C-alpha atoms as a PDB file:
ATOM      1  CA  MET A   1      19.789   5.689 -69.195  1.00  0.00           C
ATOM      2  CA  LEU A   2      19.908   4.486 -65.484  1.00  0.00           C
ATOM      3  CA  SER A   3      21.293   1.144 -66.346  1.00  0.00           C
ATOM      4  CA  ARG A   4      24.390   2.767 -67.731  1.00  0.00           C
ATOM      5  CA  LEU A   5      25.064   3.974 -64.190  1.00  0.00           C
ATOM      6  CA  LYS A   6      25.743   0.457 -63.103  1.00  0.00           C
ATOM      7  CA  LYS A   7      28.642   0.254 -65.752  1.00  0.00           C
ATOM      8  CA  THR A   8      30.237   3.534 -65.030  1.00  0.00           C
ATOM      9  CA  GLU A   9      33.113   3.449 -62.544  1.00  0.00           C
ATOM     10  CA  GLN A  10      34.116   6.378 -60.319  1.00  0.00           C
ATOM     11  CA  ASN A  11      37.649   7.445 -58.929  1.00  0.00           C
ATOM     12  CA  PRO A  12      37.805   5.245 -55.612  1.00  0.00           C
ATOM     13  CA  GLN A  13      39.475   8.057 -53.856  1.00  0.00           C
ATOM     14  CA  TRP A  14      36.297  10.179 -53.976  1.00  0.00           C
ATOM     15  CA  HIS A  15      33.821   7.315 -54.391  1.00  0.00           C
ATOM     16  CA  PRO A  16      34.788   4.197 -52.498  1.00  0.00           C
ATOM     17  CA  GLU A  17      31.199   2.964 -52.781  1.00  0.00           C
ATOM     18  CA  GLY A  18      31.939   1.948 -56.389  1.00  0.00           C
ATOM     19  CA  ASN A  19      30.126   2.712 -59.545  1.00  0.00           C
ATOM     20  CA  VAL A  20      27.687   5.652 -60.073  1.00  0.00           C
ATOM     21  CA  TRP A  21      24.565   3.380 -59.492  1.00  0.00           C
ATOM     22  CA  ASN A  22      25.710   2.514 -56.190  1.00  0.00           C
ATOM     23  CA  HIS A  23      26.327   6.107 -55.318  1.00  0.00           C
ATOM     24  CA  THR A  24      23.038   7.173 -56.796  1.00  0.00           C
ATOM     25  CA  LEU A  25      21.014   4.677 -54.489  1.00  0.00           C
ATOM     26  CA  ASN A  26      23.065   6.232 -51.558  1.00  0.00           C
ATOM     27  CA  VAL A  27      21.974   9.605 -52.538  1.00  0.00           C
ATOM     28  CA  VAL A  28      18.456   8.569 -52.997  1.00  0.00           C
ATOM     29  CA  ASP A  29      18.404   6.960 -49.435  1.00  0.00           C
ATOM     30  CA  ASN A  30      19.900  10.265 -48.102  1.00  0.00           C
ATOM     31  CA  GLY A  31      17.373  12.290 -49.899  1.00  0.00           C
ATOM     32  CA  ALA A  32      14.424  10.093 -48.597  1.00  0.00           C
ATOM     33  CA  LEU A  33      15.566  11.007 -45.014  1.00  0.00           C
ATOM     34  CA  VAL A  34      15.642  14.713 -45.415  1.00  0.00           C
ATOM     35  CA  ARG A  35      12.889  15.163 -48.246  1.00  0.00           C
ATOM     36  CA  GLU A  36      10.668  16.906 -45.744  1.00  0.00           C
ATOM     37  CA  LYS A  37      13.141  19.823 -45.622  1.00  0.00           C
ATOM     38  CA  SER A  38      12.567  20.401 -49.476  1.00  0.00           C
ATOM     39  CA  ALA A  39      10.096  22.887 -50.851  1.00  0.00           C
ATOM     40  CA  ASP A  40       9.241  20.309 -53.526  1.00  0.00           C
ATOM     41  CA  GLU A  41       9.705  16.814 -52.460  1.00  0.00           C
ATOM     42  CA  THR A  42       8.882  15.266 -55.848  1.00  0.00           C
ATOM     43  CA  VAL A  43      11.328  17.613 -57.695  1.00  0.00           C
ATOM     44  CA  PHE A  44      13.968  16.844 -54.957  1.00  0.00           C
ATOM     45  CA  MET A  45      13.691  13.227 -55.006  1.00  0.00           C
ATOM     46  CA  TRP A  46      13.829  12.873 -58.812  1.00  0.00           C
ATOM     47  CA  SER A  47      16.859  15.164 -58.576  1.00  0.00           C
ATOM     48  CA  CYS A  48      18.622  12.768 -56.250  1.00  0.00           C
ATOM     49  CA  LEU A  49      17.919   9.934 -58.717  1.00  0.00           C
ATOM     50  CA  LEU A  50      19.101  11.879 -61.728  1.00  0.00           C
ATOM     51  CA  HIS A  51      21.897  14.005 -60.350  1.00  0.00           C
ATOM     52  CA  ASP A  52      24.752  11.868 -62.043  1.00  0.00           C
ATOM     53  CA  ILE A  53      22.960  10.803 -65.058  1.00  0.00           C
ATOM     54  CA  GLY A  54      25.455  12.764 -67.137  1.00  0.00           C
ATOM     55  CA  LYS A  55      28.310  10.612 -65.829  1.00  0.00           C
ATOM     56  CA  PRO A  56      28.240   7.649 -68.387  1.00  0.00           C
ATOM     57  CA  PRO A  57      28.938   9.979 -71.402  1.00  0.00           C
ATOM     58  CA  THR A  58      31.607  12.010 -69.638  1.00  0.00           C
ATOM     59  CA  THR A  59      33.568   9.540 -67.709  1.00  0.00           C
ATOM     60  CA  ARG A  60      37.113   9.059 -68.964  1.00  0.00           C
ATOM     61  CA  VAL A  61      40.445   8.070 -67.596  1.00  0.00           C
ATOM     62  CA  ARG A  62      42.782  10.836 -67.669  1.00  0.00           C
ATOM     63  CA  ARG A  63      46.343  10.410 -66.465  1.00  0.00           C
ATOM     64  CA  GLY A  64      45.445   7.272 -64.560  1.00  0.00           C
ATOM     65  CA  LYS A  65      42.352   8.803 -62.786  1.00  0.00           C
ATOM     66  CA  ILE A  66      38.678   8.446 -63.554  1.00  0.00           C
ATOM     67  CA  THR A  67      37.001  11.758 -64.164  1.00  0.00           C
ATOM     68  CA  ALA A  68      33.522  13.100 -65.222  1.00  0.00           C
ATOM     69  CA  TYR A  69      34.074  16.604 -66.219  1.00  0.00           C
ATOM     70  CA  ASP A  70      30.958  18.560 -67.101  1.00  0.00           C
ATOM     71  CA  HIS A  71      28.627  15.581 -66.008  1.00  0.00           C
ATOM     72  CA  ASP A  72      26.374  18.291 -64.386  1.00  0.00           C
ATOM     73  CA  LYS A  73      25.908  20.090 -67.780  1.00  0.00           C
ATOM     74  CA  VAL A  74      25.433  16.904 -69.712  1.00  0.00           C
ATOM     75  CA  GLY A  75      23.192  15.731 -67.037  1.00  0.00           C
ATOM     76  CA  GLU A  76      20.807  18.613 -67.298  1.00  0.00           C
ATOM     77  CA  LYS A  77      19.978  17.718 -70.823  1.00  0.00           C
ATOM     78  CA  LEU A  78      19.816  13.961 -70.077  1.00  0.00           C
ATOM     79  CA  SER A  79      17.592  14.439 -67.264  1.00  0.00           C
ATOM     80  CA  ALA A  80      15.214  16.440 -69.319  1.00  0.00           C
ATOM     81  CA  GLU A  81      15.224  13.779 -72.078  1.00  0.00           C
ATOM     82  CA  PHE A  82      14.586  11.127 -69.432  1.00  0.00           C
ATOM     83  CA  LEU A  83      11.619  12.895 -67.906  1.00  0.00           C
ATOM     84  CA  SER A  84      10.137  13.722 -71.381  1.00  0.00           C
ATOM     85  CA  ALA A  85       9.768  10.152 -71.947  1.00  0.00           C
ATOM     86  CA  PHE A  86       7.218  10.015 -68.982  1.00  0.00           C
ATOM     87  CA  ASN A  87       5.285  12.952 -70.457  1.00  0.00           C
ATOM     88  CA  CYS A  88       6.125  15.082 -67.445  1.00  0.00           C
ATOM     89  CA  ASP A  89       5.050  18.642 -67.638  1.00  0.00           C
ATOM     90  CA  ASP A  90       7.563  21.151 -68.801  1.00  0.00           C
ATOM     91  CA  GLU A  91       7.822  23.064 -65.290  1.00  0.00           C
ATOM     92  CA  PHE A  92       8.626  19.864 -63.506  1.00  0.00           C
ATOM     93  CA  ILE A  93      11.328  18.871 -66.220  1.00  0.00           C
ATOM     94  CA  TYR A  94      12.638  22.391 -65.980  1.00  0.00           C
ATOM     95  CA  LYS A  95      12.925  22.300 -62.085  1.00  0.00           C
ATOM     96  CA  VAL A  96      14.587  18.796 -62.122  1.00  0.00           C
ATOM     97  CA  SER A  97      16.949  19.508 -64.878  1.00  0.00           C
ATOM     98  CA  LYS A  98      18.216  22.666 -63.294  1.00  0.00           C
ATOM     99  CA  MET A  99      18.734  20.882 -59.994  1.00  0.00           C
ATOM    100  CA  VAL A 100      20.871  18.383 -61.800  1.00  0.00           C
ATOM    101  CA  ARG A 101      22.768  21.028 -63.584  1.00  0.00           C
ATOM    102  CA  TRP A 102      23.675  22.973 -60.457  1.00  0.00           C
ATOM    103  CA  HIS A 103      24.333  20.142 -57.996  1.00  0.00           C
ATOM    104  CA  MET A 104      27.928  20.575 -58.076  1.00  0.00           C
ATOM    105  CA  GLN A 105      27.912  24.342 -57.240  1.00  0.00           C
ATOM    106  CA  VAL A 106      28.539  23.957 -53.496  1.00  0.00           C
ATOM    107  CA  LEU A 107      31.836  22.201 -54.230  1.00  0.00           C
ATOM    108  CA  MET A 108      32.689  24.789 -56.973  1.00  0.00           C
ATOM    109  CA  VAL A 109      31.979  27.702 -54.720  1.00  0.00           C
ATOM    110  CA  VAL A 110      33.519  26.448 -51.484  1.00  0.00           C
ATOM    111  CA  LYS A 111      36.806  25.641 -53.400  1.00  0.00           C
ATOM    112  CA  ASN A 112      36.790  28.873 -55.270  1.00  0.00           C
ATOM    113  CA  LEU A 113      36.883  27.187 -58.644  1.00  0.00           C
ATOM    114  CA  PRO A 114      36.566  28.997 -61.819  1.00  0.00           C
ATOM    115  CA  PHE A 115      33.399  26.918 -62.833  1.00  0.00           C
ATOM    116  CA  ALA A 116      31.414  28.527 -60.039  1.00  0.00           C
ATOM    117  CA  ASP A 117      28.640  30.552 -61.298  1.00  0.00           C
ATOM    118  CA  LEU A 118      26.234  31.601 -58.420  1.00  0.00           C
ATOM    119  CA  GLU A 119      24.762  34.512 -60.286  1.00  0.00           C
ATOM    120  CA  THR A 120      23.124  32.167 -62.884  1.00  0.00           C
ATOM    121  CA  MET A 121      22.558  29.445 -60.457  1.00  0.00           C
ATOM    122  CA  VAL A 122      20.452  31.583 -58.082  1.00  0.00           C
ATOM    123  CA  GLY A 123      18.348  32.648 -61.125  1.00  0.00           C
ATOM    124  CA  GLU A 124      17.403  29.077 -61.957  1.00  0.00           C
ATOM    125  CA  VAL A 125      17.196  27.216 -58.628  1.00  0.00           C
ATOM    126  CA  PRO A 126      16.680  27.888 -55.051  1.00  0.00           C
ATOM    127  CA  ALA A 127      20.001  27.840 -53.195  1.00  0.00           C
ATOM    128  CA  ASN A 128      18.559  25.920 -50.235  1.00  0.00           C
ATOM    129  CA  GLU A 129      17.431  23.084 -52.626  1.00  0.00           C
ATOM    130  CA  ILE A 130      20.938  22.904 -54.190  1.00  0.00           C
ATOM    131  CA  ALA A 131      22.449  22.786 -50.716  1.00  0.00           C
ATOM    132  CA  LEU A 132      20.091  19.886 -49.656  1.00  0.00           C
ATOM    133  CA  LEU A 133      20.913  17.868 -52.751  1.00  0.00           C
ATOM    134  CA  ALA A 134      24.630  18.556 -52.373  1.00  0.00           C
ATOM    135  CA  MET A 135      24.565  17.408 -48.853  1.00  0.00           C
ATOM    136  CA  CYS A 136      22.924  14.063 -49.797  1.00  0.00           C
ATOM    137  CA  ASP A 137      25.361  13.816 -52.652  1.00  0.00           C
ATOM    138  CA  ARG A 138      28.509  14.478 -50.605  1.00  0.00           C
ATOM    139  CA  LEU A 139      27.173  11.931 -47.950  1.00  0.00           C
ATOM    140  CA  GLY A 140      26.409   9.236 -50.478  1.00  0.00           C
ATOM    141  CA  ARG A 141      30.033   8.437 -50.878  1.00  0.00           C
ATOM    142  CA  GLY A 142      31.622   5.452 -48.777  1.00  0.00           C
ATOM    143  CA  GLU A 143      31.751   5.483 -45.055  1.00  0.00           C
ATOM    144  CA  VAL A 144      30.220   8.597 -43.430  1.00  0.00           C
ATOM    145  CA  THR A 145      31.774   9.731 -40.150  1.00  0.00           C
ATOM    146  CA  ASP A 146      30.965  12.511 -37.738  1.00  0.00           C
ATOM    147  CA  ARG A 147      33.930  14.481 -39.052  1.00  0.00           C
ATOM    148  CA  ILE A 148      32.763  14.148 -42.577  1.00  0.00           C
ATOM    149  CA  ILE A 149      29.222  15.257 -41.618  1.00  0.00           C
ATOM    150  CA  SER A 150      30.719  18.315 -39.651  1.00  0.00           C
ATOM    151  CA  GLU A 151      32.936  19.295 -42.692  1.00  0.00           C
ATOM    152  CA  GLU A 152      30.072  19.024 -45.099  1.00  0.00           C
ATOM    153  CA  LYS A 153      27.697  21.052 -42.905  1.00  0.00           C
ATOM    154  CA  LYS A 154      30.428  23.784 -42.793  1.00  0.00           C
ATOM    155  CA  ASN A 155      30.735  23.721 -46.571  1.00  0.00           C
ATOM    156  CA  ILE A 156      26.931  24.105 -46.948  1.00  0.00           C
ATOM    157  CA  GLU A 157      26.921  27.116 -44.615  1.00  0.00           C
ATOM    158  CA  ARG A 158      29.758  28.765 -46.438  1.00  0.00           C
ATOM    159  CA  PHE A 159      27.909  28.231 -49.703  1.00  0.00           C
ATOM    160  CA  LEU A 160      24.595  29.601 -48.433  1.00  0.00           C
ATOM    161  CA  GLU A 161      26.439  32.508 -46.999  1.00  0.00           C
ATOM    162  CA  LYS A 162      28.036  33.408 -50.447  1.00  0.00           C
ATOM    163  CA  CYS A 163      24.582  32.931 -51.897  1.00  0.00           C
ATOM    164  CA  MET A 164      22.996  35.336 -49.450  1.00  0.00           C
ATOM    165  CA  LEU A 165      25.747  37.963 -50.149  1.00  0.00           C
ATOM    166  CA  LEU A 166      24.964  37.813 -53.635  1.00  0.00           C
ATOM    167  CA  LEU A 167      21.120  37.986 -53.259  1.00  0.00           C
ATOM    168  CA  ASP A 168      21.272  40.680 -50.530  1.00  0.00           C
ATOM    169  CA  PRO A 169      24.560  42.746 -50.986  1.00  0.00           C
END
Protein backbone atom coordinates (compact mmCIF):
# COMPACT_ATOMS: atom_id res chain seq x y z
CA MET A 1 0.00 0.00 0.00
CA LEU A 2 2.77 2.44 0.83
CA SER A 3 4.74 1.74 -2.35
CA ARG A 4 1.78 3.03 -4.39
CA LEU A 5 2.36 6.47 -2.84
CA LYS A 6 5.60 6.74 -4.84
CA LYS A 7 3.69 6.41 -8.12
CA THR A 8 0.90 8.81 -7.19
CA GLU A 9 1.46 12.32 -8.48
CA GLN A 10 -0.10 15.41 -6.93
CA ASN A 11 -1.12 18.82 -8.20
CA PRO A 12 2.16 20.78 -8.28
CA GLN A 13 0.30 23.98 -7.37
CA TRP A 14 -0.44 22.54 -3.91
CA HIS A 15 2.33 19.95 -3.71
CA PRO A 16 5.56 21.19 -5.29
CA GLU A 17 7.45 18.47 -3.36
CA GLY A 18 6.16 15.94 -5.89
CA ASN A 19 4.47 12.60 -5.36
CA VAL A 20 2.50 11.46 -2.33
CA TRP A 21 5.45 9.52 -0.93
CA ASN A 22 7.66 12.64 -0.84
CA HIS A 23 4.86 14.53 0.88
CA THR A 24 4.28 11.70 3.37
CA LEU A 25 7.95 11.66 4.33
CA ASN A 26 7.80 15.43 4.94
CA VAL A 27 4.72 14.99 7.13
CA VAL A 28 6.38 12.20 9.13
CA ASP A 29 9.45 14.42 9.62
CA ASN A 30 7.22 17.28 10.80
CA GLY A 31 5.36 14.91 13.08
CA ALA A 32 8.58 13.68 14.67
CA LEU A 33 9.42 17.27 15.61
CA VAL A 34 6.12 17.84 17.46
CA ARG A 35 5.04 14.36 18.57
CA GLU A 36 5.53 15.20 22.25
CA LYS A 37 2.55 17.58 21.90
CA SER A 38 0.31 14.63 21.07
CA ALA A 39 -1.72 12.82 23.71
CA ASP A 40 -0.75 9.53 22.01
CA GLU A 41 2.55 9.71 20.13
CA THR A 42 2.20 6.25 18.58
CA VAL A 43 -1.26 6.93 17.15
CA PHE A 44 -0.07 10.34 15.99
CA MET A 45 3.02 9.11 14.17
CA TRP A 46 1.15 6.26 12.45
CA SER A 47 -1.46 8.84 11.43
CA CYS A 48 1.28 10.97 9.89
CA LEU A 49 2.51 7.97 7.90
CA LEU A 50 -0.93 6.83 6.74
CA HIS A 51 -2.80 10.14 6.37
CA ASP A 52 -2.75 10.06 2.54
CA ILE A 53 -2.95 6.30 2.00
CA GLY A 54 -6.28 6.91 0.26
CA LYS A 55 -4.75 9.00 -2.52
CA PRO A 56 -3.62 6.24 -4.93
CA PRO A 57 -7.13 4.88 -5.55
CA THR A 58 -8.77 8.33 -5.62
CA THR A 59 -6.29 10.33 -7.69
CA ARG A 60 -7.63 11.44 -11.08
CA VAL A 61 -6.91 14.12 -13.65
CA ARG A 62 -9.99 16.31 -13.90
CA ARG A 63 -10.05 19.27 -16.27
CA GLY A 64 -6.26 19.15 -16.48
CA LYS A 65 -5.72 19.13 -12.70
CA ILE A 66 -4.69 16.26 -10.43
CA THR A 67 -7.27 15.68 -7.69
CA ALA A 68 -7.81 13.11 -4.93
CA TYR A 69 -11.38 13.73 -3.79
CA ASP A 70 -12.47 11.68 -0.77
CA HIS A 71 -8.97 10.35 -0.14
CA ASP A 72 -9.61 10.92 3.56
CA LYS A 73 -12.69 8.68 3.57
CA VAL A 74 -11.03 5.98 1.46
CA GLY A 75 -7.91 6.34 3.62
CA GLU A 76 -9.89 5.55 6.75
CA LYS A 77 -10.68 2.09 5.37
CA LEU A 78 -7.24 1.48 3.89
CA SER A 79 -5.40 2.50 7.06
CA ALA A 80 -7.53 0.05 9.05
CA GLU A 81 -6.73 -2.68 6.52
CA PHE A 82 -3.03 -1.83 6.62
CA LEU A 83 -2.81 -1.93 10.41
CA SER A 84 -4.89 -5.11 10.63
CA ALA A 85 -2.16 -6.89 8.68
CA PHE A 86 0.13 -6.23 11.67
CA ASN A 87 -2.39 -7.63 14.15
CA CYS A 88 -2.76 -4.27 15.87
CA ASP A 89 -5.47 -4.07 18.50
CA ASP A 90 -8.87 -2.74 17.48
CA GLU A 91 -8.70 0.41 19.60
CA PHE A 92 -5.38 1.44 18.04
CA ILE A 93 -6.69 0.76 14.52
CA TYR A 94 -9.82 2.78 15.28
CA LYS A 95 -7.84 5.77 16.57
CA VAL A 96 -5.42 5.88 13.63
CA SER A 97 -8.10 5.32 11.00
CA LYS A 98 -10.23 8.11 12.45
CA MET A 99 -7.26 10.47 12.42
CA VAL A 100 -6.75 9.61 8.75
CA ARG A 101 -10.48 10.12 8.11
CA TRP A 102 -10.59 13.58 9.64
CA HIS A 103 -7.17 15.01 8.71
CA MET A 104 -8.71 17.35 6.10
CA GLN A 105 -11.25 18.94 8.46
CA VAL A 106 -9.13 21.99 9.28
CA LEU A 107 -9.16 22.96 5.61
CA MET A 108 -12.87 22.13 5.24
CA VAL A 109 -13.84 24.15 8.30
CA VAL A 110 -11.61 27.17 7.66
CA LYS A 111 -12.78 27.44 4.04
CA ASN A 112 -16.42 26.88 5.05
CA LEU A 113 -16.71 23.97 2.63
CA PRO A 114 -19.87 21.86 2.63
CA PHE A 115 -17.81 18.76 3.49
CA ALA A 116 -17.00 20.08 6.97
CA ASP A 117 -18.55 17.91 9.66
CA LEU A 118 -17.20 19.07 13.01
CA GLU A 119 -20.02 17.49 14.97
CA THR A 120 -19.16 13.97 13.82
CA MET A 121 -15.43 14.62 13.95
CA VAL A 122 -15.37 15.77 17.59
CA GLY A 123 -17.28 12.63 18.52
CA GLU A 124 -14.57 10.44 16.99
CA VAL A 125 -11.23 12.22 17.51
CA PRO A 126 -9.79 14.97 19.71
CA ALA A 127 -9.75 18.29 17.87
CA ASN A 128 -6.24 19.08 19.18
CA GLU A 129 -4.88 15.88 17.63
CA ILE A 130 -6.43 16.67 14.24
CA ALA A 131 -5.06 20.21 14.47
CA LEU A 132 -1.56 18.88 15.13
CA LEU A 133 -1.75 16.39 12.24
CA ALA A 134 -3.20 19.03 9.92
CA MET A 135 -0.37 21.42 10.73
CA CYS A 136 2.21 18.74 9.90
CA ASP A 137 0.31 17.95 6.70
CA ARG A 138 0.07 21.57 5.56
CA LEU A 139 3.75 22.24 6.30
CA GLY A 140 4.77 19.08 4.46
CA ARG A 141 4.37 20.77 1.10
CA GLY A 142 7.27 22.39 -0.69
CA GLU A 143 9.15 25.34 0.75
CA VAL A 144 7.94 26.48 4.15
CA THR A 145 8.25 30.20 4.83
CA ASP A 146 7.50 32.25 7.94
CA ARG A 147 4.41 33.61 6.15
CA ILE A 148 3.09 30.10 5.45
CA ILE A 149 3.71 29.03 9.06
CA SER A 150 1.88 32.12 10.32
CA GLU A 151 -1.10 31.51 8.00
CA GLU A 152 -1.36 27.87 9.02
CA LYS A 153 -1.20 28.73 12.72
CA LYS A 154 -4.09 31.18 12.19
CA ASN A 155 -6.06 28.48 10.36
CA ILE A 156 -5.48 26.04 13.23
CA GLU A 157 -6.60 28.67 15.76
CA ARG A 158 -9.82 29.34 13.80
CA PHE A 159 -10.47 25.61 13.53
CA LEU A 160 -9.97 25.05 17.26
CA GLU A 161 -12.19 28.05 18.08
CA LYS A 162 -14.99 26.56 15.99
CA CYS A 163 -14.50 23.20 17.71
CA MET A 164 -14.69 24.86 21.13
CA LEU A 165 -17.90 26.67 20.17
CA LEU A 166 -19.41 23.36 19.18
CA LEU A 167 -18.28 21.62 22.36
CA ASP A 168 -19.07 24.49 24.73
CA PRO A 169 -21.84 26.67 23.20
